Amino acid sequence: MLEPVLGSMNCERVLIFLAAREEGYAREIAGFFTSSLGPIQKQLEKLEAGGVLYSRLAGKTRLYGFNPRYPFLQELKALLGKALSFYPEEIRNELLMDRRRPRRAGKTL
């Protein structure tokens, strides 16, 4: 949806994922969209170099999130929020459901 504006589908995927979940890592984003890891990593690096994203290490994992000092952050988040509202409901619900803690063994869904 935003591919013509952002330049690539992978850039849109990275930004939409981070808009929905606030933080994420490359393999998680690639796995969610069932895409290759390499292009996602390149987009994350490009956006970090441009000041749009920041990264931090959590153990061996590099987590990415929106840089709060980016001057157009509010406008970018508004655009991504609007784009997210046009995504199919099942994808939107999956994106917004952020489960990071493990489930107790034997617990039913």
C-alpha atoms as a PDB file:
ATOM      1  CA  MET A   1       0.000   0.000   0.000  1.00  0.00           C
ATOM      2  CA  LEU A   2       2.795   2.453   0.875  1.00  0.00           C
ATOM      3  CA  GLU A   3       5.331   0.830  -1.435  1.00  0.00           C
ATOM      4  CA  PRO A   4       5.233   3.646  -4.031  1.00  0.00           C
ATOM      5  CA  VAL A   5       5.847   6.252  -1.327  1.00  0.00           C
ATOM      6  CA  LEU A   6       8.495   4.366   0.664  1.00  0.00           C
ATOM      7  CA  GLY A   7      10.321   2.818  -2.273  1.00  0.00           C
ATOM      8  CA  SER A   8      10.081  -0.875  -1.420  1.00  0.00           C
ATOM      9  CA  MET A   9       7.744  -3.470   0.003  1.00  0.00           C
ATOM     10  CA  ASN A  10      10.285  -4.470   2.641  1.00  0.00           C
ATOM     11  CA  CYS A  11      10.528  -0.911   3.928  1.00  0.00           C
ATOM     12  CA  GLU A  12       6.754  -0.851   4.303  1.00  0.00           C
ATOM     13  CA  ARG A  13       6.808  -4.191   6.119  1.00  0.00           C
ATOM     14  CA  VAL A  14       9.462  -3.037   8.569  1.00  0.00           C
ATOM     15  CA  LEU A  15       7.717   0.236   9.361  1.00  0.00           C
ATOM     16  CA  ILE A  16       4.232  -1.299   9.657  1.00  0.00           C
ATOM     17  CA  PHE A  17       5.549  -4.019  11.970  1.00  0.00           C
ATOM     18  CA  LEU A  18       7.301  -1.497  14.202  1.00  0.00           C
ATOM     19  CA  ALA A  19       4.286   0.824  14.185  1.00  0.00           C
ATOM     20  CA  ALA A  20       2.090  -2.018  15.424  1.00  0.00           C
ATOM     21  CA  ARG A  21       4.489  -3.534  17.976  1.00  0.00           C
ATOM     22  CA  GLU A  22       6.837  -0.657  18.880  1.00  0.00           C
ATOM     23  CA  GLU A  23       9.930  -2.890  18.785  1.00  0.00           C
ATOM     24  CA  GLY A  24      11.138  -5.941  16.878  1.00  0.00           C
ATOM     25  CA  TYR A  25      14.096  -7.772  15.447  1.00  0.00           C
ATOM     26  CA  ALA A  26      14.938  -8.715  11.879  1.00  0.00           C
ATOM     27  CA  ARG A  27      14.144 -12.438  12.020  1.00  0.00           C
ATOM     28  CA  GLU A  28      10.814 -11.752  13.760  1.00  0.00           C
ATOM     29  CA  ILE A  29       9.769  -9.277  11.048  1.00  0.00           C
ATOM     30  CA  ALA A  30      10.903 -11.572   8.227  1.00  0.00           C
ATOM     31  CA  GLY A  31       9.100 -14.524   9.820  1.00  0.00           C
ATOM     32  CA  PHE A  32       5.862 -12.612  10.251  1.00  0.00           C
ATOM     33  CA  PHE A  33       5.737 -11.599   6.594  1.00  0.00           C
ATOM     34  CA  THR A  34       7.348 -14.861   5.364  1.00  0.00           C
ATOM     35  CA  SER A  35      10.028 -12.968   3.481  1.00  0.00           C
ATOM     36  CA  SER A  36      13.784 -13.321   3.217  1.00  0.00           C
ATOM     37  CA  LEU A  37      15.907 -12.131   6.112  1.00  0.00           C
ATOM     38  CA  GLY A  38      18.555 -10.283   4.055  1.00  0.00           C
ATOM     39  CA  PRO A  39      16.352  -7.545   2.564  1.00  0.00           C
ATOM     40  CA  ILE A  40      14.688  -6.927   5.927  1.00  0.00           C
ATOM     41  CA  GLN A  41      18.093  -6.491   7.586  1.00  0.00           C
ATOM     42  CA  LYS A  42      19.173  -4.084   4.840  1.00  0.00           C
ATOM     43  CA  GLN A  43      16.045  -1.979   5.319  1.00  0.00           C
ATOM     44  CA  LEU A  44      16.553  -1.895   9.087  1.00  0.00           C
ATOM     45  CA  GLU A  45      20.167  -0.777   8.619  1.00  0.00           C
ATOM     46  CA  LYS A  46      19.151   1.848   6.052  1.00  0.00           C
ATOM     47  CA  LEU A  47      16.418   3.257   8.290  1.00  0.00           C
ATOM     48  CA  GLU A  48      18.759   3.296  11.283  1.00  0.00           C
ATOM     49  CA  ALA A  49      21.445   5.117   9.275  1.00  0.00           C
ATOM     50  CA  GLY A  50      18.788   7.667   8.249  1.00  0.00           C
ATOM     51  CA  GLY A  51      17.842   8.313  11.860  1.00  0.00           C
ATOM     52  CA  VAL A  52      14.316   6.908  11.590  1.00  0.00           C
ATOM     53  CA  LEU A  53      15.058   3.889  13.797  1.00  0.00           C
ATOM     54  CA  TYR A  54      17.322   3.135  16.729  1.00  0.00           C
ATOM     55  CA  SER A  55      18.710  -0.233  17.724  1.00  0.00           C
ATOM     56  CA  ARG A  56      19.819  -1.794  20.981  1.00  0.00           C
ATOM     57  CA  LEU A  57      21.152  -5.162  21.979  1.00  0.00           C
ATOM     58  CA  ALA A  58      19.123  -7.476  24.192  1.00  0.00           C
ATOM     59  CA  GLY A  59      21.517 -10.361  24.728  1.00  0.00           C
ATOM     60  CA  LYS A  60      22.593 -11.371  21.229  1.00  0.00           C
ATOM     61  CA  THR A  61      19.471  -9.952  19.577  1.00  0.00           C
ATOM     62  CA  ARG A  62      19.437  -6.487  18.033  1.00  0.00           C
ATOM     63  CA  LEU A  63      16.063  -4.863  18.671  1.00  0.00           C
ATOM     64  CA  TYR A  64      14.851  -1.969  16.527  1.00  0.00           C
ATOM     65  CA  GLY A  65      12.321   0.732  17.334  1.00  0.00           C
ATOM     66  CA  PHE A  66      11.362   4.233  16.248  1.00  0.00           C
ATOM     67  CA  ASN A  67      13.880   6.924  17.137  1.00  0.00           C
ATOM     68  CA  PRO A  68      12.071   9.382  19.445  1.00  0.00           C
ATOM     69  CA  ARG A  69      14.366  12.178  18.207  1.00  0.00           C
ATOM     70  CA  TYR A  70      13.329  11.753  14.564  1.00  0.00           C
ATOM     71  CA  PRO A  71      11.732  15.109  13.586  1.00  0.00           C
ATOM     72  CA  PHE A  72       8.864  13.615  11.552  1.00  0.00           C
ATOM     73  CA  LEU A  73       8.030  10.767  13.921  1.00  0.00           C
ATOM     74  CA  GLN A  74       4.466  11.838  14.708  1.00  0.00           C
ATOM     75  CA  GLU A  75       3.638  12.337  11.046  1.00  0.00           C
ATOM     76  CA  LEU A  76       5.218   9.007  10.095  1.00  0.00           C
ATOM     77  CA  LYS A  77       3.302   7.170  12.817  1.00  0.00           C
ATOM     78  CA  ALA A  78       0.056   8.833  11.717  1.00  0.00           C
ATOM     79  CA  LEU A  79       0.667   7.723   8.110  1.00  0.00           C
ATOM     80  CA  LEU A  80       1.512   4.172   9.198  1.00  0.00           C
ATOM     81  CA  GLY A  81      -1.512   4.019  11.492  1.00  0.00           C
ATOM     82  CA  LYS A  82      -3.767   5.075   8.632  1.00  0.00           C
ATOM     83  CA  ALA A  83      -2.173   2.482   6.326  1.00  0.00           C
ATOM     84  CA  LEU A  84      -2.546  -0.207   9.009  1.00  0.00           C
ATOM     85  CA  SER A  85      -6.273   0.499   9.203  1.00  0.00           C
ATOM     86  CA  PHE A  86      -6.582  -0.551   5.532  1.00  0.00           C
ATOM     87  CA  TYR A  87      -4.823  -3.898   6.030  1.00  0.00           C
ATOM     88  CA  PRO A  88      -7.054  -7.004   6.147  1.00  0.00           C
ATOM     89  CA  GLU A  89      -8.480  -7.559   9.619  1.00  0.00           C
ATOM     90  CA  GLU A  90      -6.759 -10.915  10.221  1.00  0.00           C
ATOM     91  CA  ILE A  91      -3.312  -9.457   9.437  1.00  0.00           C
ATOM     92  CA  ARG A  92      -4.047  -6.374  11.541  1.00  0.00           C
ATOM     93  CA  ASN A  93      -5.127  -8.490  14.505  1.00  0.00           C
ATOM     94  CA  GLU A  94      -2.053 -10.698  14.183  1.00  0.00           C
ATOM     95  CA  LEU A  95       0.204  -7.647  14.062  1.00  0.00           C
ATOM     96  CA  LEU A  96      -1.385  -6.049  17.097  1.00  0.00           C
ATOM     97  CA  MET A  97      -1.289  -9.252  19.184  1.00  0.00           C
ATOM     98  CA  ASP A  98       2.174  -9.003  20.690  1.00  0.00           C
ATOM     99  CA  ARG A  99       2.976 -12.135  22.712  1.00  0.00           C
ATOM    100  CA  ARG A 100       6.543 -12.261  23.929  1.00  0.00           C
ATOM    101  CA  ARG A 101       6.332 -14.327  27.073  1.00  0.00           C
ATOM    102  CA  PRO A 102       6.290 -18.124  26.879  1.00  0.00           C
ATOM    103  CA  ARG A 103       3.089 -19.978  27.665  1.00  0.00           C
ATOM    104  CA  ARG A 104       2.776 -22.209  30.683  1.00  0.00           C
ATOM    105  CA  ALA A 105       3.069 -25.865  29.697  1.00  0.00           C
ATOM    106  CA  GLY A 106      -0.327 -27.451  29.137  1.00  0.00           C
ATOM    107  CA  LYS A 107      -2.228 -24.148  29.113  1.00  0.00           C
ATOM    108  CA  THR A 108      -5.122 -24.101  26.645  1.00  0.00           C
ATOM    109  CA  LEU A 109      -5.534 -21.366  24.073  1.00  0.00           C
END
